């Protein structure tokens, strides 16, 4: 059974930093293309960043470029999202999943709240 468990969210002030973690079981994260998504209340879940495990090719949406970094720890089978210079508009629940996402892999997500 595949299970993804997100953690590391919290409340920070604008300009602060957080590191999100996504621990995977039942599959090998680095072998595929994995991604972080986020969803704000009343909005659709959208892609934030993705990482192609085979060659470490990363993609970021424009609004997080230069502020967020997506990485993996292959030994721990864990995906990370280092977030710096956080803005109130980054407030959302963050999820990890394959890219394109598999409905069976959605976890509970981790809440990030950035206050101004």
C-alpha atoms as a PDB file:
ATOM      1  CA  UNK A   1       0.000   0.000   0.000  1.00  0.00           C
ATOM      2  CA  UNK A   2       1.322   3.413  -0.983  1.00  0.00           C
ATOM      3  CA  UNK A   3       1.188   6.062   1.700  1.00  0.00           C
ATOM      4  CA  UNK A   4       2.414   9.644   1.648  1.00  0.00           C
ATOM      5  CA  UNK A   5       2.652  11.555   4.906  1.00  0.00           C
ATOM      6  CA  UNK A   6       3.239  15.296   4.825  1.00  0.00           C
ATOM      7  CA  UNK A   7       4.587  17.250   7.781  1.00  0.00           C
ATOM      8  CA  UNK A   8       6.448  20.420   8.692  1.00  0.00           C
ATOM      9  CA  UNK A   9       3.745  23.015   8.241  1.00  0.00           C
ATOM     10  CA  UNK A  10       3.008  25.732  10.743  1.00  0.00           C
ATOM     11  CA  UNK A  11       2.383  29.398  11.330  1.00  0.00           C
ATOM     12  CA  UNK A  12       5.050  31.925  10.445  1.00  0.00           C
ATOM     13  CA  UNK A  13       5.282  35.616   9.798  1.00  0.00           C
ATOM     14  CA  UNK A  14       5.924  36.970   6.351  1.00  0.00           C
ATOM     15  CA  UNK A  15       9.579  36.551   5.488  1.00  0.00           C
ATOM     16  CA  UNK A  16       9.908  33.403   7.540  1.00  0.00           C
ATOM     17  CA  UNK A  17      10.893  29.905   6.485  1.00  0.00           C
ATOM     18  CA  UNK A  18       9.555  26.370   6.759  1.00  0.00           C
ATOM     19  CA  UNK A  19      10.665  22.994   5.494  1.00  0.00           C
ATOM     20  CA  UNK A  20       7.973  20.551   4.500  1.00  0.00           C
ATOM     21  CA  UNK A  21       8.576  16.808   4.418  1.00  0.00           C
ATOM     22  CA  UNK A  22       6.776  14.046   2.567  1.00  0.00           C
ATOM     23  CA  UNK A  23       7.626  10.550   3.728  1.00  0.00           C
ATOM     24  CA  UNK A  24       6.730   7.856   1.259  1.00  0.00           C
ATOM     25  CA  UNK A  25       6.118   4.177   1.861  1.00  0.00           C
ATOM     26  CA  UNK A  26       5.209   1.472  -0.589  1.00  0.00           C
ATOM     27  CA  UNK A  27       7.107   3.085  -3.453  1.00  0.00           C
ATOM     28  CA  UNK A  28      10.459   4.660  -4.289  1.00  0.00           C
ATOM     29  CA  UNK A  29      10.140   8.422  -4.554  1.00  0.00           C
ATOM     30  CA  UNK A  30      13.387   9.184  -6.344  1.00  0.00           C
ATOM     31  CA  UNK A  31      12.563   6.942  -9.257  1.00  0.00           C
ATOM     32  CA  UNK A  32       9.617   9.019 -10.409  1.00  0.00           C
ATOM     33  CA  UNK A  33       8.650  12.643 -10.838  1.00  0.00           C
ATOM     34  CA  UNK A  34       7.239  13.909  -7.582  1.00  0.00           C
ATOM     35  CA  UNK A  35       5.685  17.207  -6.772  1.00  0.00           C
ATOM     36  CA  UNK A  36       4.301  19.521  -4.160  1.00  0.00           C
ATOM     37  CA  UNK A  37       0.819  20.940  -4.585  1.00  0.00           C
ATOM     38  CA  UNK A  38      -1.134  23.430  -2.528  1.00  0.00           C
ATOM     39  CA  UNK A  39      -4.740  24.284  -2.003  1.00  0.00           C
ATOM     40  CA  UNK A  40      -6.285  27.344  -0.407  1.00  0.00           C
ATOM     41  CA  UNK A  41      -9.902  27.411   0.826  1.00  0.00           C
ATOM     42  CA  UNK A  42     -12.280  27.741  -2.096  1.00  0.00           C
ATOM     43  CA  UNK A  43      -9.567  27.231  -4.676  1.00  0.00           C
ATOM     44  CA  UNK A  44      -8.346  24.306  -6.721  1.00  0.00           C
ATOM     45  CA  UNK A  45      -5.298  22.295  -5.782  1.00  0.00           C
ATOM     46  CA  UNK A  46      -2.394  23.464  -7.938  1.00  0.00           C
ATOM     47  CA  UNK A  47       1.169  22.465  -8.653  1.00  0.00           C
ATOM     48  CA  UNK A  48       3.903  24.333  -6.797  1.00  0.00           C
ATOM     49  CA  UNK A  49       7.073  22.468  -7.751  1.00  0.00           C
ATOM     50  CA  UNK A  50       8.121  19.121  -9.160  1.00  0.00           C
ATOM     51  CA  UNK A  51      11.329  17.143  -9.256  1.00  0.00           C
ATOM     52  CA  UNK A  52      12.252  14.462 -11.742  1.00  0.00           C
ATOM     53  CA  UNK A  53      14.103  11.959  -9.652  1.00  0.00           C
ATOM     54  CA  UNK A  54      16.162  10.370 -12.397  1.00  0.00           C
ATOM     55  CA  UNK A  55      18.094  13.556 -13.226  1.00  0.00           C
ATOM     56  CA  UNK A  56      17.089  16.013 -10.483  1.00  0.00           C
ATOM     57  CA  UNK A  57      15.437  18.311 -12.994  1.00  0.00           C
ATOM     58  CA  UNK A  58      13.251  20.729 -11.025  1.00  0.00           C
ATOM     59  CA  UNK A  59      10.356  22.961 -12.027  1.00  0.00           C
ATOM     60  CA  UNK A  60       8.804  25.782 -10.024  1.00  0.00           C
ATOM     61  CA  UNK A  61       5.827  27.971 -10.650  1.00  0.00           C
ATOM     62  CA  UNK A  62       6.815  31.594 -11.178  1.00  0.00           C
ATOM     63  CA  UNK A  63       5.487  32.837  -7.852  1.00  0.00           C
ATOM     64  CA  UNK A  64       7.836  30.610  -5.824  1.00  0.00           C
ATOM     65  CA  UNK A  65      10.962  30.673  -7.993  1.00  0.00           C
ATOM     66  CA  UNK A  66      13.985  31.712  -5.993  1.00  0.00           C
ATOM     67  CA  UNK A  67      12.136  31.160  -2.709  1.00  0.00           C
ATOM     68  CA  UNK A  68      11.257  27.447  -2.670  1.00  0.00           C
ATOM     69  CA  UNK A  69      13.542  24.468  -3.250  1.00  0.00           C
ATOM     70  CA  UNK A  70      12.358  20.900  -3.866  1.00  0.00           C
ATOM     71  CA  UNK A  71      14.704  18.054  -2.985  1.00  0.00           C
ATOM     72  CA  UNK A  72      14.708  14.382  -2.052  1.00  0.00           C
ATOM     73  CA  UNK A  73      16.584  12.257   0.431  1.00  0.00           C
ATOM     74  CA  UNK A  74      16.784   8.930  -1.336  1.00  0.00           C
ATOM     75  CA  UNK A  75      17.987   7.074   1.724  1.00  0.00           C
ATOM     76  CA  UNK A  76      14.946   8.243   3.667  1.00  0.00           C
ATOM     77  CA  UNK A  77      12.574   8.033   0.682  1.00  0.00           C
ATOM     78  CA  UNK A  78      11.445  11.521   1.571  1.00  0.00           C
ATOM     79  CA  UNK A  79      10.573  14.560  -0.511  1.00  0.00           C
ATOM     80  CA  UNK A  80      11.188  18.045   0.880  1.00  0.00           C
ATOM     81  CA  UNK A  81      10.119  21.583   0.117  1.00  0.00           C
ATOM     82  CA  UNK A  82      12.301  24.277   1.636  1.00  0.00           C
ATOM     83  CA  UNK A  83      10.314  27.493   1.704  1.00  0.00           C
ATOM     84  CA  UNK A  84      11.933  30.849   2.406  1.00  0.00           C
ATOM     85  CA  UNK A  85      10.783  34.473   2.223  1.00  0.00           C
ATOM     86  CA  UNK A  86       7.254  33.266   2.788  1.00  0.00           C
ATOM     87  CA  UNK A  87       4.371  35.523   1.815  1.00  0.00           C
ATOM     88  CA  UNK A  88       0.757  35.594   2.999  1.00  0.00           C
ATOM     89  CA  UNK A  89      -0.285  34.329  -0.431  1.00  0.00           C
ATOM     90  CA  UNK A  90       1.657  31.130   0.269  1.00  0.00           C
ATOM     91  CA  UNK A  91      -0.933  30.246   2.910  1.00  0.00           C
ATOM     92  CA  UNK A  92      -2.453  26.901   1.947  1.00  0.00           C
ATOM     93  CA  UNK A  93      -2.525  23.201   2.691  1.00  0.00           C
ATOM     94  CA  UNK A  94       0.430  21.559   1.001  1.00  0.00           C
ATOM     95  CA  UNK A  95       0.360  18.050  -0.426  1.00  0.00           C
ATOM     96  CA  UNK A  96       2.849  15.801  -2.165  1.00  0.00           C
ATOM     97  CA  UNK A  97       2.010  13.432  -4.982  1.00  0.00           C
ATOM     98  CA  UNK A  98       3.255  12.008  -8.203  1.00  0.00           C
ATOM     99  CA  UNK A  99       3.211  14.187 -11.311  1.00  0.00           C
ATOM    100  CA  UNK A 100       0.712  13.874 -12.798  1.00  0.00           C
ATOM    101  CA  UNK A 101      -1.029  13.193  -9.481  1.00  0.00           C
ATOM    102  CA  UNK A 102      -2.510   9.841  -8.609  1.00  0.00           C
ATOM    103  CA  UNK A 103      -5.762  10.128  -6.660  1.00  0.00           C
ATOM    104  CA  UNK A 104      -4.746   7.151  -4.562  1.00  0.00           C
ATOM    105  CA  UNK A 105      -1.653   8.937  -3.250  1.00  0.00           C
ATOM    106  CA  UNK A 106      -3.180  12.082  -1.710  1.00  0.00           C
ATOM    107  CA  UNK A 107      -2.350  12.374   1.971  1.00  0.00           C
ATOM    108  CA  UNK A 108      -3.783  14.661   4.618  1.00  0.00           C
ATOM    109  CA  UNK A 109      -1.503  17.520   3.706  1.00  0.00           C
ATOM    110  CA  UNK A 110       0.214  19.972   6.003  1.00  0.00           C
ATOM    111  CA  UNK A 111      -1.099  23.461   6.711  1.00  0.00           C
ATOM    112  CA  UNK A 112       1.070  26.500   6.129  1.00  0.00           C
ATOM    113  CA  UNK A 113      -0.169  29.842   7.417  1.00  0.00           C
ATOM    114  CA  UNK A 114       1.779  33.022   6.750  1.00  0.00           C
ATOM    115  CA  UNK A 115       0.735  36.177   8.547  1.00  0.00           C
ATOM    116  CA  UNK A 116       1.539  39.680   7.367  1.00  0.00           C
END
